[in-house]
């Protein structure tokens, strides 16, 4: 699957095994900067956690760090490797990401997120 296809495909349409393969395929890129789609690095900001915009269907892969993901606006769909549940986050909802988690987040509509160190 090409990078373009990954960025435009909807994860919801994929089965769990397909999502797992996709998460493992993009994990090396995510591990390198701890987040994809944010080329300046989401964890580089000093003095606080900035907000980040996600366009509809834009994806974010996270792993290797303990974080709290906050949905500030919009709606996020989140899947975690090895977890039978998927999660929908709305404004004001948080999700704790553990260091051993492999998580993919997709914006269901234009959204704003914040990643906080836990």
N, C-alpha and C. Protein backbone atom coordinates (compact mmCIF):
# COMPACT_ATOMS: atom_id res chain seq x y z
N UNK A 1 0.85 -1.17 0.00
CA UNK A 1 0.00 0.00 0.00
C UNK A 1 0.90 1.23 0.00
N UNK A 2 0.61 2.19 -0.84
CA UNK A 2 1.43 3.40 -0.92
C UNK A 2 1.13 4.33 0.24
N UNK A 3 2.05 5.26 0.49
CA UNK A 3 1.83 6.24 1.56
C UNK A 3 0.58 7.05 1.29
N UNK A 4 0.33 7.39 0.03
CA UNK A 4 -0.86 8.16 -0.32
C UNK A 4 -2.12 7.36 0.00
N UNK A 5 -2.11 6.07 -0.33
CA UNK A 5 -3.28 5.24 -0.05
C UNK A 5 -3.51 5.12 1.45
N UNK A 6 -2.42 5.00 2.22
CA UNK A 6 -2.57 4.92 3.67
C UNK A 6 -3.17 6.20 4.22
N UNK A 7 -2.71 7.35 3.74
CA UNK A 7 -3.19 8.61 4.29
C UNK A 7 -4.63 8.92 3.89
N UNK A 8 -5.12 8.32 2.81
CA UNK A 8 -6.48 8.63 2.37
C UNK A 8 -7.48 7.52 2.68
N UNK A 9 -7.00 6.33 3.02
CA UNK A 9 -7.90 5.22 3.32
C UNK A 9 -8.56 5.42 4.67
N UNK A 10 -9.78 4.97 4.80
CA UNK A 10 -10.47 5.04 6.08
C UNK A 10 -10.20 3.76 6.85
N UNK A 11 -9.62 3.89 8.04
CA UNK A 11 -9.30 2.72 8.86
C UNK A 11 -10.55 1.97 9.31
N UNK A 12 -11.66 2.66 9.41
CA UNK A 12 -12.87 2.02 9.90
C UNK A 12 -13.30 0.89 8.97
N UNK A 13 -13.04 1.03 7.68
CA UNK A 13 -13.45 0.02 6.71
C UNK A 13 -12.58 -1.23 6.77
N UNK A 14 -11.44 -1.14 7.41
CA UNK A 14 -10.53 -2.27 7.49
C UNK A 14 -10.91 -3.18 8.66
N UNK A 15 -10.66 -4.47 8.51
CA UNK A 15 -10.83 -5.42 9.60
C UNK A 15 -9.68 -5.27 10.58
N UNK A 16 -9.81 -5.86 11.76
CA UNK A 16 -8.79 -5.74 12.80
C UNK A 16 -7.43 -6.23 12.30
N UNK A 17 -7.37 -7.36 11.60
CA UNK A 17 -6.06 -7.86 11.13
C UNK A 17 -5.45 -6.92 10.11
N UNK A 18 -6.26 -6.31 9.26
CA UNK A 18 -5.74 -5.35 8.29
C UNK A 18 -5.23 -4.09 8.98
N UNK A 19 -5.95 -3.62 10.01
CA UNK A 19 -5.50 -2.45 10.75
C UNK A 19 -4.18 -2.76 11.46
N UNK A 20 -4.05 -3.98 12.00
CA UNK A 20 -2.81 -4.36 12.68
C UNK A 20 -1.64 -4.33 11.70
N UNK A 21 -1.83 -4.89 10.50
CA UNK A 21 -0.76 -4.86 9.49
C UNK A 21 -0.42 -3.43 9.12
N UNK A 22 -1.43 -2.57 8.96
CA UNK A 22 -1.19 -1.18 8.63
C UNK A 22 -0.43 -0.48 9.74
N UNK A 23 -0.81 -0.72 10.97
CA UNK A 23 -0.12 -0.08 12.10
C UNK A 23 1.34 -0.50 12.15
N UNK A 24 1.61 -1.78 11.89
CA UNK A 24 3.00 -2.25 11.90
C UNK A 24 3.77 -1.68 10.71
N UNK A 25 3.10 -1.47 9.59
CA UNK A 25 3.77 -0.93 8.41
C UNK A 25 4.18 0.53 8.61
N UNK A 26 3.37 1.30 9.35
CA UNK A 26 3.70 2.71 9.53
C UNK A 26 4.43 2.96 10.84
N UNK A 27 4.57 1.94 11.69
CA UNK A 27 5.22 2.12 12.99
C UNK A 27 6.65 2.64 12.89
N UNK A 28 7.51 2.18 11.97
CA UNK A 28 8.87 2.73 11.93
C UNK A 28 8.89 4.23 11.70
N UNK A 29 8.01 4.72 10.84
CA UNK A 29 7.94 6.16 10.60
C UNK A 29 7.46 6.87 11.87
N UNK A 30 6.47 6.31 12.54
CA UNK A 30 5.94 6.93 13.75
C UNK A 30 6.98 6.94 14.86
N UNK A 31 7.74 5.86 14.97
CA UNK A 31 8.74 5.76 16.02
C UNK A 31 9.84 6.81 15.83
N UNK A 32 10.16 7.11 14.58
CA UNK A 32 11.24 8.05 14.30
C UNK A 32 10.95 9.43 14.87
N UNK A 33 9.69 9.88 14.80
CA UNK A 33 9.36 11.22 15.29
C UNK A 33 8.27 11.19 16.35
N UNK A 34 7.78 10.00 16.70
CA UNK A 34 6.71 9.79 17.67
C UNK A 34 5.36 10.28 17.19
N UNK A 35 5.28 10.76 15.97
CA UNK A 35 3.99 11.14 15.39
C UNK A 35 4.17 11.31 13.90
N UNK A 36 3.20 10.88 13.14
CA UNK A 36 3.25 11.11 11.70
C UNK A 36 2.34 12.29 11.38
N UNK A 37 2.50 12.81 10.20
CA UNK A 37 1.69 13.91 9.68
C UNK A 37 2.05 15.26 10.26
N UNK A 38 2.90 15.34 11.27
CA UNK A 38 3.32 16.61 11.83
C UNK A 38 4.82 16.71 11.67
N UNK A 39 5.24 17.29 10.57
CA UNK A 39 6.64 17.26 10.19
C UNK A 39 7.54 18.08 11.10
N UNK A 40 6.99 19.02 11.83
CA UNK A 40 7.81 19.80 12.75
C UNK A 40 7.95 19.10 14.10
N UNK A 41 7.20 18.06 14.34
CA UNK A 41 7.30 17.30 15.59
C UNK A 41 6.35 17.83 16.64
N UNK A 42 5.42 17.02 17.06
CA UNK A 42 4.43 17.45 18.04
C UNK A 42 5.02 17.58 19.43
N UNK A 43 6.13 16.90 19.72
CA UNK A 43 6.69 16.89 21.07
C UNK A 43 7.81 17.89 21.23
N UNK A 44 8.06 18.69 20.21
CA UNK A 44 9.21 19.58 20.25
C UNK A 44 8.91 20.90 20.96
N UNK A 45 7.65 21.23 21.17
CA UNK A 45 7.31 22.53 21.74
C UNK A 45 7.75 22.63 23.19
N UNK A 46 8.32 23.76 23.53
CA UNK A 46 8.73 24.00 24.91
C UNK A 46 7.69 24.88 25.58
N UNK A 47 7.52 24.69 26.87
CA UNK A 47 6.64 25.57 27.62
C UNK A 47 5.18 25.25 27.49
N UNK A 48 4.81 24.09 27.06
CA UNK A 48 3.41 23.73 26.99
C UNK A 48 3.13 22.88 25.78
N UNK A 49 1.96 22.28 25.78
CA UNK A 49 1.57 21.41 24.69
C UNK A 49 0.70 22.19 23.71
N UNK A 50 1.16 22.38 22.49
CA UNK A 50 0.36 23.12 21.51
C UNK A 50 -0.78 22.27 20.96
N UNK A 51 -1.77 22.94 20.42
CA UNK A 51 -2.87 22.28 19.74
C UNK A 51 -2.42 21.97 18.31
N UNK A 52 -2.97 20.88 17.75
CA UNK A 52 -2.66 20.50 16.38
C UNK A 52 -3.96 20.20 15.65
N UNK A 53 -4.04 20.66 14.43
CA UNK A 53 -5.23 20.45 13.61
C UNK A 53 -5.06 19.18 12.79
N UNK A 54 -6.13 18.43 12.70
CA UNK A 54 -6.20 17.27 11.82
C UNK A 54 -7.35 17.50 10.85
N UNK A 55 -7.08 17.37 9.57
CA UNK A 55 -8.13 17.48 8.56
C UNK A 55 -8.98 16.21 8.60
N UNK A 56 -10.17 16.27 8.04
CA UNK A 56 -11.03 15.08 7.97
C UNK A 56 -10.24 13.95 7.32
N UNK A 57 -10.28 12.77 7.93
CA UNK A 57 -9.63 11.53 7.49
C UNK A 57 -8.11 11.53 7.66
N UNK A 58 -7.52 12.60 8.17
CA UNK A 58 -6.08 12.60 8.42
C UNK A 58 -5.78 11.67 9.59
N UNK A 59 -4.67 10.95 9.48
CA UNK A 59 -4.31 9.97 10.50
C UNK A 59 -3.05 10.38 11.23
N UNK A 60 -2.95 9.87 12.44
CA UNK A 60 -1.82 10.12 13.31
C UNK A 60 -1.45 8.79 13.96
N UNK A 61 -0.19 8.37 13.83
CA UNK A 61 0.27 7.13 14.45
C UNK A 61 1.17 7.49 15.62
N UNK A 62 0.91 6.86 16.76
CA UNK A 62 1.66 7.15 17.98
C UNK A 62 2.12 5.85 18.62
N UNK A 63 3.35 5.80 19.04
CA UNK A 63 3.82 4.69 19.85
C UNK A 63 5.14 5.05 20.51
N UNK A 64 5.48 4.29 21.54
CA UNK A 64 6.76 4.45 22.19
C UNK A 64 6.85 5.53 23.25
N UNK A 65 5.75 6.19 23.56
CA UNK A 65 5.77 7.24 24.59
C UNK A 65 4.51 7.16 25.43
N UNK A 66 4.62 7.56 26.68
CA UNK A 66 3.45 7.68 27.55
C UNK A 66 2.88 9.07 27.31
N UNK A 67 1.64 9.14 26.83
CA UNK A 67 0.99 10.40 26.48
C UNK A 67 -0.46 10.39 26.91
N UNK A 68 -1.01 11.57 27.04
CA UNK A 68 -2.45 11.74 27.12
C UNK A 68 -2.88 12.48 25.87
N UNK A 69 -3.74 11.86 25.09
CA UNK A 69 -4.29 12.48 23.89
C UNK A 69 -5.59 13.16 24.28
N UNK A 70 -5.70 14.45 24.01
CA UNK A 70 -6.92 15.19 24.31
C UNK A 70 -7.59 15.59 23.00
N UNK A 71 -8.87 15.33 22.90
CA UNK A 71 -9.65 15.82 21.77
C UNK A 71 -10.20 17.19 22.17
N UNK A 72 -9.77 18.22 21.48
CA UNK A 72 -10.21 19.58 21.79
C UNK A 72 -11.42 20.00 20.98
N UNK A 73 -11.50 19.48 19.75
CA UNK A 73 -12.62 19.81 18.87
C UNK A 73 -12.73 18.72 17.82
N UNK A 74 -13.92 18.54 17.27
CA UNK A 74 -14.13 17.54 16.23
C UNK A 74 -14.45 16.18 16.80
N UNK A 75 -14.04 15.15 16.06
CA UNK A 75 -14.28 13.77 16.50
C UNK A 75 -13.13 12.90 16.01
N UNK A 76 -12.60 12.08 16.91
CA UNK A 76 -11.45 11.22 16.60
C UNK A 76 -11.84 9.76 16.78
N UNK A 77 -11.39 8.94 15.85
CA UNK A 77 -11.53 7.49 15.97
C UNK A 77 -10.15 6.95 16.29
N UNK A 78 -10.05 6.12 17.31
CA UNK A 78 -8.77 5.64 17.80
C UNK A 78 -8.80 4.12 17.89
N UNK A 79 -7.74 3.49 17.39
CA UNK A 79 -7.58 2.04 17.54
C UNK A 79 -6.20 1.77 18.12
N UNK A 80 -6.14 0.77 18.99
CA UNK A 80 -4.89 0.41 19.66
C UNK A 80 -4.60 -1.06 19.35
N UNK A 81 -3.39 -1.34 18.89
CA UNK A 81 -2.99 -2.70 18.54
C UNK A 81 -3.16 -3.61 19.75
N UNK A 82 -3.82 -4.75 19.54
CA UNK A 82 -4.04 -5.71 20.62
C UNK A 82 -5.27 -5.46 21.45
N UNK A 83 -5.98 -4.37 21.21
CA UNK A 83 -7.18 -4.02 21.97
C UNK A 83 -8.41 -4.36 21.12
N UNK A 84 -9.32 -5.13 21.66
CA UNK A 84 -10.52 -5.51 20.91
C UNK A 84 -11.47 -4.34 20.70
N UNK A 85 -11.33 -3.30 21.49
CA UNK A 85 -12.20 -2.13 21.39
C UNK A 85 -11.56 -1.05 20.52
N UNK A 86 -12.40 -0.30 19.84
CA UNK A 86 -12.00 0.94 19.20
C UNK A 86 -12.69 2.06 19.97
N UNK A 87 -12.19 3.28 19.84
CA UNK A 87 -12.69 4.39 20.67
C UNK A 87 -13.02 5.58 19.79
N UNK A 88 -14.11 6.26 20.12
CA UNK A 88 -14.49 7.51 19.49
C UNK A 88 -14.37 8.58 20.57
N UNK A 89 -13.57 9.61 20.29
CA UNK A 89 -13.38 10.70 21.25
C UNK A 89 -14.01 11.97 20.70
N UNK A 90 -14.74 12.66 21.55
CA UNK A 90 -15.31 13.95 21.21
C UNK A 90 -14.63 15.04 22.01
N UNK A 91 -15.01 16.28 21.79
CA UNK A 91 -14.40 17.39 22.52
C UNK A 91 -14.45 17.18 24.03
N UNK A 92 -13.30 17.40 24.66
CA UNK A 92 -13.20 17.27 26.10
C UNK A 92 -12.84 15.87 26.59
N UNK A 93 -12.77 14.91 25.68
CA UNK A 93 -12.43 13.54 26.09
C UNK A 93 -10.94 13.29 25.90
N UNK A 94 -10.38 12.44 26.77
CA UNK A 94 -8.95 12.10 26.76
C UNK A 94 -8.77 10.61 26.57
N UNK A 95 -7.56 10.23 26.14
CA UNK A 95 -7.19 8.83 26.05
C UNK A 95 -5.74 8.70 26.48
N UNK A 96 -5.49 7.79 27.43
CA UNK A 96 -4.14 7.56 27.94
C UNK A 96 -3.42 6.56 27.04
N UNK A 97 -2.26 6.93 26.56
CA UNK A 97 -1.45 6.06 25.70
C UNK A 97 -0.24 5.61 26.51
N UNK A 98 -0.06 4.31 26.61
CA UNK A 98 1.06 3.73 27.37
C UNK A 98 2.28 3.59 26.46
N UNK A 99 3.47 3.49 27.04
CA UNK A 99 4.69 3.38 26.23
C UNK A 99 4.70 2.18 25.29
N UNK A 100 4.04 1.08 25.65
CA UNK A 100 4.05 -0.10 24.79
C UNK A 100 2.88 -0.13 23.81
N UNK A 101 2.05 0.90 23.77
CA UNK A 101 0.92 0.96 22.85
C UNK A 101 1.35 1.34 21.44
N UNK A 102 0.64 0.80 20.48
CA UNK A 102 0.74 1.22 19.08
C UNK A 102 -0.66 1.71 18.73
N UNK A 103 -0.82 3.02 18.55
CA UNK A 103 -2.12 3.65 18.40
C UNK A 103 -2.18 4.39 17.07
N UNK A 104 -3.32 4.27 16.39
CA UNK A 104 -3.60 5.07 15.20
C UNK A 104 -4.88 5.85 15.48
N UNK A 105 -4.83 7.15 15.21
CA UNK A 105 -5.96 8.05 15.40
C UNK A 105 -6.33 8.59 14.03
N UNK A 106 -7.64 8.65 13.75
CA UNK A 106 -8.12 9.24 12.50
C UNK A 106 -9.20 10.26 12.83
N UNK A 107 -9.09 11.43 12.22
CA UNK A 107 -10.10 12.47 12.41
C UNK A 107 -11.33 12.13 11.57
N UNK A 108 -12.48 12.04 12.20
CA UNK A 108 -13.72 11.77 11.49
C UNK A 108 -14.30 13.02 10.86
N UNK A 109 -13.88 14.15 11.35
CA UNK A 109 -14.20 15.48 10.79
C UNK A 109 -13.04 16.38 11.21
N UNK A 110 -12.94 17.57 10.67
CA UNK A 110 -11.83 18.45 11.10
C UNK A 110 -11.78 18.52 12.62
N UNK A 111 -10.58 18.31 13.15
CA UNK A 111 -10.43 18.18 14.60
C UNK A 111 -9.19 18.89 15.09
N UNK A 112 -9.16 19.14 16.39
CA UNK A 112 -7.95 19.66 17.05
C UNK A 112 -7.60 18.71 18.18
N UNK A 113 -6.32 18.40 18.28
CA UNK A 113 -5.83 17.49 19.34
C UNK A 113 -4.69 18.13 20.07
N UNK A 114 -4.45 17.61 21.27
CA UNK A 114 -3.31 18.01 22.08
C UNK A 114 -2.71 16.74 22.66
N UNK A 115 -1.38 16.62 22.60
CA UNK A 115 -0.67 15.50 23.20
C UNK A 115 0.10 16.02 24.40
N UNK A 116 -0.20 15.46 25.56
CA UNK A 116 0.45 15.86 26.79
C UNK A 116 1.31 14.73 27.32
N UNK A 117 2.52 15.02 27.79
CA UNK A 117 3.30 13.97 28.43
C UNK A 117 2.57 13.51 29.69
N UNK A 118 2.55 12.22 29.92
CA UNK A 118 1.84 11.70 31.10
C UNK A 118 2.76 11.65 32.30
